[in-house]
Amino acid sequence: MAASEEPIMLYSPSKRVKLTRPDTKLDEAIAALRCAPTTLEYLKILPAHFTAEEAKARRESRAKDATILDLYAFALNEGGEYELAGPTGVFSVDNFHKTCEAGIIIAPKFLGKGLTAENFYTLFQYIFEEKGFHRISFETSAENEPMRGWFEKVAGIRQEGLRKEWWMDGLGGWTDVASYAILEREWNAEVKARLEKRIRVKSS
């Protein structure tokens, strides 16, 4: 995987979610989402204030980095149109060992709508099946029970460790971080089917 402007357009099985490369017109929306209360509740590592100019600079810098693939998730709204649901993608890409780390931020209006399953299903399918990667890892606040519950109970993704006081919270404090990972064979053997079942339930 390398930095490239090659277009990417990925759809979840239900077509409720699509993933594309970052849109230059959405810097302001991304800035607001990164410092939304629902985001900062569990991602205290992020700054409490973030401007559209900072979002633009971050987007442009990361686009040049071959170890990062940023994507935007869009979800169908009640009007049947795709609306920004949040940033996702992979980073810390190691092409030799075929490993990377994945992340996601969901916009407040889409929380609890089943988009995490559709987003990650689409991303995992792309990384494992199209790009041939071996392993994807994840880190989240140890206090983030919704995300940890999703990893463990919905997707069946293994917890690999607990890092004590790993993230600084911006106020001089520290946050414990839970680490998870999924291997390609785990995706094929179990996780893919679990997410497909979840997507069918949420779409019915």
N, C-alpha and C. Protein backbone atom coordinates (compact mmCIF):
# COMPACT_ATOMS: atom_id res chain seq x y z
N MET A 1 0.85 -1.18 0.00
CA MET A 1 0.00 0.00 0.00
C MET A 1 0.89 1.24 0.00
N ALA A 2 0.62 2.16 -0.88
CA ALA A 2 1.46 3.36 -0.98
C ALA A 2 0.58 4.58 -1.19
N ALA A 3 1.14 5.74 -0.85
CA ALA A 3 0.39 6.98 -1.05
C ALA A 3 0.06 7.12 -2.54
N SER A 4 -1.19 7.40 -2.84
CA SER A 4 -1.63 7.47 -4.23
C SER A 4 -2.93 8.25 -4.29
N GLU A 5 -3.19 8.85 -5.43
CA GLU A 5 -4.46 9.54 -5.63
C GLU A 5 -5.44 8.67 -6.39
N GLU A 6 -5.13 7.37 -6.48
CA GLU A 6 -6.04 6.46 -7.15
C GLU A 6 -7.39 6.49 -6.48
N PRO A 7 -8.48 6.69 -7.23
CA PRO A 7 -9.80 6.76 -6.61
C PRO A 7 -10.16 5.48 -5.87
N ILE A 8 -10.84 5.63 -4.75
CA ILE A 8 -11.35 4.49 -4.00
C ILE A 8 -12.82 4.73 -3.73
N MET A 9 -13.65 3.76 -4.06
CA MET A 9 -15.09 3.84 -3.78
C MET A 9 -15.53 2.44 -3.36
N LEU A 10 -15.74 2.27 -2.07
CA LEU A 10 -16.08 0.96 -1.51
C LEU A 10 -17.47 1.04 -0.90
N TYR A 11 -18.28 -0.01 -1.12
CA TYR A 11 -19.64 -0.05 -0.58
C TYR A 11 -19.80 -1.24 0.35
N SER A 12 -20.55 -1.04 1.41
CA SER A 12 -20.91 -2.15 2.29
C SER A 12 -21.93 -3.03 1.57
N PRO A 13 -22.13 -4.26 2.03
CA PRO A 13 -23.07 -5.17 1.34
C PRO A 13 -24.47 -4.59 1.17
N SER A 14 -24.94 -3.83 2.15
CA SER A 14 -26.29 -3.27 2.07
C SER A 14 -26.34 -1.96 1.29
N LYS A 15 -25.15 -1.43 0.95
CA LYS A 15 -25.01 -0.12 0.29
C LYS A 15 -25.38 1.04 1.21
N ARG A 16 -25.60 0.76 2.50
CA ARG A 16 -25.88 1.85 3.44
C ARG A 16 -24.66 2.71 3.69
N VAL A 17 -23.48 2.14 3.51
CA VAL A 17 -22.23 2.85 3.79
C VAL A 17 -21.32 2.77 2.59
N LYS A 18 -20.68 3.89 2.28
CA LYS A 18 -19.63 3.87 1.26
C LYS A 18 -18.40 4.56 1.84
N LEU A 19 -17.24 4.11 1.41
CA LEU A 19 -15.96 4.67 1.84
C LEU A 19 -15.26 5.27 0.63
N THR A 20 -14.78 6.50 0.79
CA THR A 20 -14.07 7.18 -0.30
C THR A 20 -12.85 7.90 0.28
N ARG A 21 -12.01 8.35 -0.62
CA ARG A 21 -10.90 9.19 -0.17
C ARG A 21 -11.43 10.51 0.38
N PRO A 22 -10.65 11.18 1.24
CA PRO A 22 -11.10 12.44 1.85
C PRO A 22 -11.54 13.47 0.82
N ASP A 23 -12.61 14.17 1.17
CA ASP A 23 -13.19 15.21 0.33
C ASP A 23 -12.65 16.56 0.81
N THR A 24 -12.05 17.31 -0.10
CA THR A 24 -11.45 18.59 0.26
C THR A 24 -12.48 19.60 0.75
N LYS A 25 -13.76 19.37 0.46
CA LYS A 25 -14.80 20.32 0.86
C LYS A 25 -15.33 20.05 2.26
N LEU A 26 -14.82 19.02 2.92
CA LEU A 26 -15.39 18.62 4.21
C LEU A 26 -14.46 18.88 5.39
N ASP A 27 -13.46 19.74 5.21
CA ASP A 27 -12.53 20.03 6.30
C ASP A 27 -13.24 20.59 7.53
N GLU A 28 -14.18 21.48 7.31
CA GLU A 28 -14.89 22.09 8.44
C GLU A 28 -15.72 21.04 9.19
N ALA A 29 -16.39 20.17 8.45
CA ALA A 29 -17.20 19.12 9.08
C ALA A 29 -16.33 18.14 9.86
N ILE A 30 -15.18 17.79 9.31
CA ILE A 30 -14.27 16.87 9.99
C ILE A 30 -13.71 17.52 11.25
N ALA A 31 -13.38 18.80 11.17
CA ALA A 31 -12.87 19.52 12.34
C ALA A 31 -13.89 19.51 13.47
N ALA A 32 -15.15 19.77 13.13
CA ALA A 32 -16.21 19.78 14.15
C ALA A 32 -16.40 18.40 14.74
N LEU A 33 -16.30 17.36 13.92
CA LEU A 33 -16.51 16.01 14.40
C LEU A 33 -15.39 15.56 15.34
N ARG A 34 -14.15 15.96 15.02
CA ARG A 34 -13.01 15.54 15.85
C ARG A 34 -13.07 16.12 17.27
N CYS A 35 -13.73 17.25 17.44
CA CYS A 35 -13.82 17.82 18.79
C CYS A 35 -15.24 17.81 19.34
N ALA A 36 -16.11 16.97 18.76
CA ALA A 36 -17.47 16.80 19.29
C ALA A 36 -17.40 16.10 20.65
N PRO A 37 -18.30 16.41 21.57
CA PRO A 37 -18.29 15.78 22.90
C PRO A 37 -18.30 14.26 22.84
N THR A 38 -19.06 13.68 21.90
CA THR A 38 -19.13 12.22 21.82
C THR A 38 -17.80 11.63 21.37
N THR A 39 -17.01 12.39 20.60
CA THR A 39 -15.69 11.94 20.18
C THR A 39 -14.69 12.04 21.32
N LEU A 40 -14.69 13.20 22.00
CA LEU A 40 -13.71 13.45 23.04
C LEU A 40 -13.96 12.63 24.30
N GLU A 41 -15.17 12.10 24.45
CA GLU A 41 -15.47 11.31 25.64
C GLU A 41 -14.50 10.14 25.78
N TYR A 42 -14.15 9.50 24.67
CA TYR A 42 -13.27 8.34 24.73
C TYR A 42 -11.95 8.55 24.00
N LEU A 43 -11.83 9.64 23.26
CA LEU A 43 -10.57 9.96 22.58
C LEU A 43 -10.01 11.25 23.17
N LYS A 44 -9.67 11.18 24.46
CA LYS A 44 -9.18 12.35 25.16
C LYS A 44 -7.80 12.78 24.66
N ILE A 45 -7.19 11.92 23.86
CA ILE A 45 -5.91 12.25 23.26
C ILE A 45 -6.04 13.37 22.23
N LEU A 46 -7.26 13.56 21.70
CA LEU A 46 -7.49 14.58 20.68
C LEU A 46 -7.63 15.96 21.33
N PRO A 47 -7.26 17.02 20.59
CA PRO A 47 -7.41 18.37 21.14
C PRO A 47 -8.88 18.77 21.26
N ALA A 48 -9.18 19.55 22.27
CA ALA A 48 -10.56 19.98 22.49
C ALA A 48 -11.01 21.00 21.45
N HIS A 49 -10.07 21.65 20.81
CA HIS A 49 -10.39 22.64 19.77
C HIS A 49 -9.58 22.29 18.52
N PHE A 50 -10.28 22.30 17.37
CA PHE A 50 -9.65 21.91 16.11
C PHE A 50 -10.33 22.68 15.00
N THR A 51 -9.56 23.43 14.22
CA THR A 51 -10.13 24.30 13.19
C THR A 51 -10.15 23.62 11.82
N ALA A 52 -10.90 24.22 10.91
CA ALA A 52 -10.95 23.72 9.54
C ALA A 52 -9.58 23.83 8.88
N GLU A 53 -8.84 24.89 9.20
CA GLU A 53 -7.50 25.05 8.65
C GLU A 53 -6.57 23.93 9.14
N GLU A 54 -6.71 23.56 10.40
CA GLU A 54 -5.92 22.46 10.94
C GLU A 54 -6.32 21.13 10.30
N ALA A 55 -7.61 20.98 10.06
CA ALA A 55 -8.08 19.76 9.39
C ALA A 55 -7.52 19.66 7.98
N LYS A 56 -7.48 20.79 7.27
CA LYS A 56 -6.93 20.81 5.92
C LYS A 56 -5.45 20.44 5.94
N ALA A 57 -4.69 21.05 6.85
CA ALA A 57 -3.25 20.77 6.94
C ALA A 57 -3.01 19.31 7.28
N ARG A 58 -3.82 18.76 8.18
CA ARG A 58 -3.68 17.36 8.56
C ARG A 58 -4.00 16.45 7.37
N ARG A 59 -5.07 16.76 6.65
CA ARG A 59 -5.47 15.94 5.50
C ARG A 59 -4.38 15.95 4.43
N GLU A 60 -3.84 17.12 4.12
CA GLU A 60 -2.83 17.23 3.07
C GLU A 60 -1.53 16.53 3.47
N SER A 61 -1.14 16.64 4.73
CA SER A 61 0.07 16.00 5.21
C SER A 61 -0.05 14.48 5.18
N ARG A 62 -1.19 13.97 5.64
CA ARG A 62 -1.39 12.53 5.70
C ARG A 62 -1.54 11.91 4.30
N ALA A 63 -2.01 12.70 3.35
CA ALA A 63 -2.16 12.19 1.98
C ALA A 63 -0.82 11.87 1.35
N LYS A 64 0.25 12.48 1.85
CA LYS A 64 1.59 12.27 1.31
C LYS A 64 2.32 11.12 2.01
N ASP A 65 1.73 10.59 3.06
CA ASP A 65 2.37 9.57 3.88
C ASP A 65 1.95 8.18 3.42
N ALA A 66 2.90 7.38 2.96
CA ALA A 66 2.60 6.05 2.42
C ALA A 66 2.16 5.07 3.50
N THR A 67 2.32 5.43 4.77
CA THR A 67 1.90 4.53 5.85
C THR A 67 0.48 4.82 6.32
N ILE A 68 -0.22 5.70 5.61
CA ILE A 68 -1.57 6.10 6.01
C ILE A 68 -2.51 6.00 4.81
N LEU A 69 -3.68 5.44 5.02
CA LEU A 69 -4.76 5.49 4.04
C LEU A 69 -6.00 6.02 4.74
N ASP A 70 -6.24 7.31 4.60
CA ASP A 70 -7.43 7.93 5.18
C ASP A 70 -8.61 7.76 4.24
N LEU A 71 -9.77 7.46 4.83
CA LEU A 71 -11.01 7.36 4.07
C LEU A 71 -12.10 8.07 4.84
N TYR A 72 -13.14 8.50 4.12
CA TYR A 72 -14.33 9.06 4.76
C TYR A 72 -15.47 8.08 4.57
N ALA A 73 -16.22 7.86 5.63
CA ALA A 73 -17.41 7.02 5.56
C ALA A 73 -18.64 7.90 5.35
N PHE A 74 -19.48 7.50 4.41
CA PHE A 74 -20.75 8.18 4.16
C PHE A 74 -21.87 7.17 4.38
N ALA A 75 -22.96 7.63 4.99
CA ALA A 75 -24.09 6.74 5.28
C ALA A 75 -25.35 7.32 4.66
N LEU A 76 -26.23 6.43 4.23
CA LEU A 76 -27.51 6.88 3.69
C LEU A 76 -28.35 7.49 4.82
N ASN A 77 -28.83 8.71 4.59
CA ASN A 77 -29.70 9.34 5.58
C ASN A 77 -31.17 9.04 5.26
N GLU A 78 -32.06 9.61 6.03
CA GLU A 78 -33.48 9.33 5.84
C GLU A 78 -34.00 9.79 4.50
N GLY A 79 -33.30 10.72 3.87
CA GLY A 79 -33.70 11.20 2.55
C GLY A 79 -33.13 10.37 1.41
N GLY A 80 -32.39 9.31 1.77
CA GLY A 80 -31.83 8.45 0.73
C GLY A 80 -30.56 8.99 0.10
N GLU A 81 -29.91 9.97 0.76
CA GLU A 81 -28.68 10.55 0.24
C GLU A 81 -27.53 10.20 1.16
N TYR A 82 -26.33 10.09 0.59
CA TYR A 82 -25.15 9.80 1.40
C TYR A 82 -24.71 11.06 2.14
N GLU A 83 -24.50 10.89 3.43
CA GLU A 83 -24.10 11.99 4.31
C GLU A 83 -22.85 11.56 5.07
N LEU A 84 -21.94 12.50 5.33
CA LEU A 84 -20.72 12.19 6.04
C LEU A 84 -21.03 11.57 7.40
N ALA A 85 -20.46 10.37 7.63
CA ALA A 85 -20.66 9.67 8.90
C ALA A 85 -19.41 9.68 9.75
N GLY A 86 -18.27 10.04 9.15
CA GLY A 86 -17.04 10.14 9.93
C GLY A 86 -15.82 9.62 9.20
N PRO A 87 -14.64 9.91 9.73
CA PRO A 87 -13.40 9.41 9.13
C PRO A 87 -13.08 7.99 9.59
N THR A 88 -12.41 7.26 8.73
CA THR A 88 -11.95 5.91 9.05
C THR A 88 -10.67 5.69 8.26
N GLY A 89 -10.20 4.44 8.20
CA GLY A 89 -9.01 4.14 7.43
C GLY A 89 -7.98 3.39 8.23
N VAL A 90 -6.77 3.29 7.66
CA VAL A 90 -5.69 2.57 8.31
C VAL A 90 -4.44 3.43 8.35
N PHE A 91 -3.57 3.13 9.31
CA PHE A 91 -2.32 3.87 9.47
C PHE A 91 -1.28 2.92 10.05
N SER A 92 -0.07 3.43 10.26
CA SER A 92 1.05 2.57 10.68
C SER A 92 1.16 1.36 9.75
N VAL A 93 0.99 1.61 8.47
CA VAL A 93 1.03 0.54 7.47
C VAL A 93 2.46 0.04 7.30
N ASP A 94 2.62 -1.26 7.42
CA ASP A 94 3.91 -1.93 7.22
C ASP A 94 3.73 -2.91 6.07
N ASN A 95 4.19 -2.53 4.89
CA ASN A 95 3.98 -3.36 3.71
C ASN A 95 4.81 -4.64 3.72
N PHE A 96 5.93 -4.64 4.44
CA PHE A 96 6.75 -5.85 4.50
C PHE A 96 6.07 -6.93 5.34
N HIS A 97 5.61 -6.53 6.53
CA HIS A 97 4.96 -7.48 7.42
C HIS A 97 3.45 -7.59 7.18
N LYS A 98 2.94 -6.76 6.27
CA LYS A 98 1.52 -6.78 5.91
C LYS A 98 0.63 -6.52 7.13
N THR A 99 0.98 -5.48 7.88
CA THR A 99 0.20 -5.12 9.07
C THR A 99 -0.17 -3.64 9.01
N CYS A 100 -1.20 -3.29 9.76
CA CYS A 100 -1.62 -1.89 9.87
C CYS A 100 -2.52 -1.75 11.08
N GLU A 101 -2.84 -0.51 11.41
CA GLU A 101 -3.77 -0.22 12.49
C GLU A 101 -4.97 0.51 11.90
N ALA A 102 -6.16 0.23 12.40
CA ALA A 102 -7.38 0.84 11.87
C ALA A 102 -8.06 1.69 12.93
N GLY A 103 -8.86 2.64 12.47
CA GLY A 103 -9.60 3.49 13.39
C GLY A 103 -10.88 3.99 12.76
N ILE A 104 -11.72 4.57 13.60
CA ILE A 104 -13.00 5.10 13.14
C ILE A 104 -13.51 6.13 14.13
N ILE A 105 -14.16 7.16 13.62
CA ILE A 105 -14.93 8.11 14.43
C ILE A 105 -16.30 8.21 13.78
N ILE A 106 -17.35 8.03 14.58
CA ILE A 106 -18.72 8.08 14.05
C ILE A 106 -19.38 9.40 14.47
N ALA A 107 -20.03 10.07 13.52
CA ALA A 107 -20.74 11.30 13.83
C ALA A 107 -21.87 11.03 14.81
N PRO A 108 -22.14 11.97 15.72
CA PRO A 108 -23.16 11.74 16.76
C PRO A 108 -24.50 11.26 16.23
N LYS A 109 -24.97 11.80 15.11
CA LYS A 109 -26.29 11.43 14.61
C LYS A 109 -26.37 9.99 14.13
N PHE A 110 -25.20 9.37 13.88
CA PHE A 110 -25.20 7.99 13.38
C PHE A 110 -24.81 6.97 14.44
N LEU A 111 -24.56 7.42 15.65
CA LEU A 111 -24.22 6.49 16.72
C LEU A 111 -25.40 5.57 17.01
N GLY A 112 -25.11 4.29 17.21
CA GLY A 112 -26.17 3.33 17.52
C GLY A 112 -26.97 2.88 16.33
N LYS A 113 -26.51 3.20 15.12
CA LYS A 113 -27.24 2.86 13.90
C LYS A 113 -26.65 1.66 13.17
N GLY A 114 -25.69 1.00 13.77
CA GLY A 114 -25.10 -0.18 13.14
C GLY A 114 -24.05 0.12 12.10
N LEU A 115 -23.56 1.36 12.06
CA LEU A 115 -22.62 1.72 11.02
C LEU A 115 -21.21 1.20 11.26
N THR A 116 -20.87 0.95 12.53
CA THR A 116 -19.54 0.43 12.81
C THR A 116 -19.32 -0.90 12.11
N ALA A 117 -20.32 -1.78 12.17
CA ALA A 117 -20.20 -3.09 11.52
C ALA A 117 -20.05 -2.94 10.00
N GLU A 118 -20.87 -2.08 9.41
CA GLU A 118 -20.80 -1.91 7.95
C GLU A 118 -19.50 -1.24 7.52
N ASN A 119 -19.06 -0.25 8.30
CA ASN A 119 -17.82 0.44 7.99
C ASN A 119 -16.64 -0.52 8.07
N PHE A 120 -16.52 -1.23 9.19
CA PHE A 120 -15.36 -2.10 9.36
C PHE A 120 -15.43 -3.32 8.44
N TYR A 121 -16.61 -3.83 8.18
CA TYR A 121 -16.72 -4.95 7.22
C TYR A 121 -16.13 -4.51 5.88
N THR A 122 -16.52 -3.35 5.42
CA THR A 122 -16.07 -2.85 4.12
C THR A 122 -14.57 -2.60 4.13
N LEU A 123 -14.08 -2.01 5.22
CA LEU A 123 -12.64 -1.74 5.33
C LEU A 123 -11.84 -3.03 5.43
N PHE A 124 -12.29 -3.97 6.27
CA PHE A 124 -11.57 -5.24 6.43
C PHE A 124 -11.52 -6.01 5.11
N GLN A 125 -12.63 -6.05 4.41
CA GLN A 125 -12.68 -6.77 3.14
C GLN A 125 -11.66 -6.18 2.16
N TYR A 126 -11.55 -4.87 2.14
CA TYR A 126 -10.61 -4.21 1.24
C TYR A 126 -9.16 -4.52 1.65
N ILE A 127 -8.86 -4.38 2.94
CA ILE A 127 -7.48 -4.56 3.40
C ILE A 127 -7.04 -6.02 3.32
N PHE A 128 -7.89 -6.93 3.74
CA PHE A 128 -7.51 -8.35 3.73
C PHE A 128 -7.62 -8.98 2.33
N GLU A 129 -8.74 -8.74 1.67
CA GLU A 129 -9.02 -9.48 0.44
C GLU A 129 -8.47 -8.81 -0.82
N GLU A 130 -8.45 -7.49 -0.84
CA GLU A 130 -7.92 -6.82 -2.02
C GLU A 130 -6.44 -6.48 -1.88
N LYS A 131 -6.03 -6.07 -0.67
CA LYS A 131 -4.64 -5.67 -0.45
C LYS A 131 -3.78 -6.78 0.11
N GLY A 132 -4.39 -7.88 0.54
CA GLY A 132 -3.63 -9.04 0.97
C GLY A 132 -2.88 -8.87 2.27
N PHE A 133 -3.41 -8.07 3.19
CA PHE A 133 -2.73 -7.86 4.46
C PHE A 133 -2.98 -9.03 5.41
N HIS A 134 -2.07 -9.17 6.38
CA HIS A 134 -2.10 -10.29 7.32
C HIS A 134 -2.76 -9.93 8.65
N ARG A 135 -2.66 -8.68 9.06
CA ARG A 135 -3.07 -8.33 10.41
C ARG A 135 -3.51 -6.87 10.48
N ILE A 136 -4.60 -6.62 11.22
CA ILE A 136 -5.05 -5.26 11.52
C ILE A 136 -5.19 -5.15 13.03
N SER A 137 -4.62 -4.10 13.61
CA SER A 137 -4.73 -3.89 15.04
C SER A 137 -5.54 -2.63 15.33
N PHE A 138 -5.95 -2.50 16.59
CA PHE A 138 -6.80 -1.39 17.02
C PHE A 138 -6.41 -1.00 18.45
N GLU A 139 -6.55 0.27 18.77
CA GLU A 139 -6.38 0.72 20.14
C GLU A 139 -7.53 1.65 20.50
N THR A 140 -8.04 1.50 21.72
CA THR A 140 -9.11 2.36 22.18
C THR A 140 -8.96 2.57 23.67
N SER A 141 -9.54 3.63 24.18
CA SER A 141 -9.51 3.88 25.61
C SER A 141 -10.07 2.68 26.36
N ALA A 142 -9.43 2.32 27.47
CA ALA A 142 -9.93 1.22 28.28
C ALA A 142 -11.32 1.53 28.82
N GLU A 143 -11.69 2.80 28.87
CA GLU A 143 -13.00 3.22 29.36
C GLU A 143 -14.07 3.17 28.27
N ASN A 144 -13.66 2.94 27.04
CA ASN A 144 -14.59 2.97 25.92
C ASN A 144 -15.35 1.64 25.83
N GLU A 145 -16.29 1.46 26.73
CA GLU A 145 -17.03 0.20 26.79
C GLU A 145 -17.84 -0.08 25.52
N PRO A 146 -18.46 0.91 24.87
CA PRO A 146 -19.18 0.62 23.63
C PRO A 146 -18.28 0.04 22.53
N MET A 147 -17.10 0.64 22.34
CA MET A 147 -16.20 0.14 21.30
C MET A 147 -15.62 -1.21 21.68
N ARG A 148 -15.23 -1.36 22.93
CA ARG A 148 -14.67 -2.63 23.38
C ARG A 148 -15.73 -3.74 23.30
N GLY A 149 -16.96 -3.40 23.63
CA GLY A 149 -18.04 -4.37 23.52
C GLY A 149 -18.27 -4.79 22.08
N TRP A 150 -18.13 -3.83 21.18
CA TRP A 150 -18.30 -4.16 19.76
C TRP A 150 -17.21 -5.12 19.30
N PHE A 151 -15.96 -4.81 19.65
CA PHE A 151 -14.86 -5.71 19.28
C PHE A 151 -15.11 -7.12 19.80
N GLU A 152 -15.45 -7.24 21.07
CA GLU A 152 -15.50 -8.53 21.74
C GLU A 152 -16.79 -9.31 21.48
N LYS A 153 -17.93 -8.62 21.55
CA LYS A 153 -19.21 -9.32 21.49
C LYS A 153 -19.81 -9.36 20.09
N VAL A 154 -19.60 -8.32 19.32
CA VAL A 154 -20.18 -8.28 17.97
C VAL A 154 -19.24 -8.95 16.96
N ALA A 155 -18.00 -8.46 16.89
CA ALA A 155 -17.08 -8.93 15.86
C ALA A 155 -16.25 -10.14 16.30
N GLY A 156 -16.11 -10.35 17.59
CA GLY A 156 -15.27 -11.46 18.05
C GLY A 156 -13.80 -11.22 17.81
N ILE A 157 -13.36 -9.98 18.01
CA ILE A 157 -11.96 -9.62 17.80
C ILE A 157 -11.22 -9.71 19.14
N ARG A 158 -10.02 -10.30 19.09
CA ARG A 158 -9.25 -10.58 20.30
C ARG A 158 -8.67 -9.33 20.95
N GLN A 159 -8.76 -9.27 22.28
CA GLN A 159 -7.98 -8.28 23.02
C GLN A 159 -6.59 -8.85 23.23
N GLU A 160 -5.57 -8.05 22.94
CA GLU A 160 -4.20 -8.52 23.07
C GLU A 160 -3.46 -7.92 24.26
N GLY A 161 -3.99 -6.84 24.80
CA GLY A 161 -3.26 -6.26 25.92
C GLY A 161 -3.95 -5.03 26.48
N LEU A 162 -3.39 -4.53 27.57
CA LEU A 162 -3.86 -3.31 28.20
C LEU A 162 -2.64 -2.47 28.53
N ARG A 163 -2.53 -1.33 27.91
CA ARG A 163 -1.39 -0.43 28.11
C ARG A 163 -1.75 0.59 29.19
N LYS A 164 -1.06 0.54 30.28
CA LYS A 164 -1.34 1.45 31.39
C LYS A 164 -0.81 2.85 31.08
N GLU A 165 -1.69 3.84 31.28
CA GLU A 165 -1.34 5.25 31.11
C GLU A 165 -0.58 5.49 29.80
N TRP A 166 -1.19 5.04 28.70
CA TRP A 166 -0.54 5.08 27.38
C TRP A 166 -0.81 6.39 26.64
N TRP A 167 -2.01 6.96 26.80
CA TRP A 167 -2.35 8.22 26.14
C TRP A 167 -2.41 9.35 27.15
N MET A 168 -1.81 10.50 26.79
CA MET A 168 -1.99 11.70 27.60
C MET A 168 -3.30 12.34 27.19
N ASP A 169 -4.07 12.81 28.16
CA ASP A 169 -5.42 13.29 27.85
C ASP A 169 -5.51 14.77 27.53
N GLY A 170 -4.37 15.47 27.47
CA GLY A 170 -4.41 16.89 27.14
C GLY A 170 -4.59 17.78 28.35
N LEU A 171 -4.90 17.20 29.50
CA LEU A 171 -5.09 17.96 30.73
C LEU A 171 -4.05 17.56 31.78
N GLY A 172 -3.02 16.86 31.32
CA GLY A 172 -1.98 16.41 32.23
C GLY A 172 -2.23 15.04 32.83
N GLY A 173 -3.37 14.44 32.48
CA GLY A 173 -3.69 13.12 32.98
C GLY A 173 -3.33 12.05 31.96
N TRP A 174 -3.58 10.77 32.33
CA TRP A 174 -3.23 9.65 31.47
C TRP A 174 -4.40 8.70 31.33
N THR A 175 -4.47 8.04 30.19
CA THR A 175 -5.56 7.12 29.88
C THR A 175 -4.99 5.73 29.58
N ASP A 176 -5.58 4.71 30.19
CA ASP A 176 -5.22 3.33 29.85
C ASP A 176 -5.81 2.99 28.49
N VAL A 177 -5.09 2.19 27.72
CA VAL A 177 -5.50 1.86 26.35
C VAL A 177 -5.58 0.35 26.17
N ALA A 178 -6.71 -0.12 25.64
CA ALA A 178 -6.90 -1.54 25.34
C ALA A 178 -6.51 -1.80 23.89
N SER A 179 -5.75 -2.87 23.67
CA SER A 179 -5.27 -3.22 22.33
C SER A 179 -6.00 -4.47 21.82
N TYR A 180 -6.41 -4.42 20.55
CA TYR A 180 -7.10 -5.55 19.90
C TYR A 180 -6.43 -5.82 18.56
N ALA A 181 -6.67 -7.01 18.01
CA ALA A 181 -6.13 -7.33 16.69
C ALA A 181 -6.93 -8.45 16.04
N ILE A 182 -6.88 -8.46 14.71
CA ILE A 182 -7.52 -9.51 13.91
C ILE A 182 -6.55 -9.94 12.83
N LEU A 183 -6.41 -11.24 12.65
CA LEU A 183 -5.57 -11.80 11.59
C LEU A 183 -6.43 -12.15 10.38
N GLU A 184 -5.80 -12.24 9.24
CA GLU A 184 -6.53 -12.57 8.01
C GLU A 184 -7.28 -13.89 8.16
N ARG A 185 -6.66 -14.89 8.77
CA ARG A 185 -7.34 -16.18 8.91
C ARG A 185 -8.53 -16.09 9.87
N GLU A 186 -8.45 -15.19 10.85
CA GLU A 186 -9.58 -14.98 11.77
C GLU A 186 -10.73 -14.27 11.05
N TRP A 187 -10.36 -13.36 10.17
CA TRP A 187 -11.37 -12.69 9.34
C TRP A 187 -12.12 -13.72 8.50
N ASN A 188 -11.38 -14.58 7.83
CA ASN A 188 -12.00 -15.56 6.95
C ASN A 188 -12.77 -16.64 7.71
N ALA A 189 -12.27 -17.02 8.88
CA ALA A 189 -12.87 -18.13 9.62
C ALA A 189 -14.10 -17.74 10.40
N GLU A 190 -14.16 -16.52 10.90
CA GLU A 190 -15.26 -16.18 11.81
C GLU A 190 -15.76 -14.75 11.71
N VAL A 191 -14.85 -13.78 11.73
CA VAL A 191 -15.26 -12.39 11.87
C VAL A 191 -16.11 -11.93 10.69
N LYS A 192 -15.74 -12.31 9.49
CA LYS A 192 -16.50 -11.90 8.31
C LYS A 192 -17.95 -12.34 8.41
N ALA A 193 -18.17 -13.61 8.78
CA ALA A 193 -19.54 -14.13 8.89
C ALA A 193 -20.31 -13.44 10.01
N ARG A 194 -19.64 -13.15 11.11
CA ARG A 194 -20.31 -12.47 12.22
C ARG A 194 -20.79 -11.08 11.81
N LEU A 195 -19.95 -10.36 11.07
CA LEU A 195 -20.34 -9.02 10.63
C LEU A 195 -21.42 -9.07 9.56
N GLU A 196 -21.35 -10.06 8.68
CA GLU A 196 -22.41 -10.21 7.67
C GLU A 196 -23.76 -10.47 8.35
N LYS A 197 -23.76 -11.28 9.39
CA LYS A 197 -24.99 -11.53 10.14
C LYS A 197 -25.49 -10.26 10.79
N ARG A 198 -24.57 -9.50 11.36
CA ARG A 198 -24.93 -8.24 12.02
C ARG A 198 -25.53 -7.26 11.02
N ILE A 199 -24.93 -7.18 9.85
CA ILE A 199 -25.43 -6.26 8.83
C ILE A 199 -26.81 -6.66 8.37
N ARG A 200 -27.07 -7.97 8.19
CA ARG A 200 -28.40 -8.43 7.77
C ARG A 200 -29.45 -8.09 8.82
N VAL A 201 -29.09 -8.27 10.10
CA VAL A 201 -30.04 -7.97 11.17
C VAL A 201 -30.37 -6.49 11.19
N LYS A 202 -29.36 -5.64 11.07
CA LYS A 202 -29.58 -4.20 11.12
C LYS A 202 -30.30 -3.69 9.88
N SER A 203 -30.15 -4.40 8.76
CA SER A 203 -30.77 -3.94 7.50
C SER A 203 -32.19 -4.44 7.34
N SER A 204 -32.61 -5.42 8.14
CA SER A 204 -33.93 -6.02 7.97
C SER A 204 -35.00 -5.18 8.64
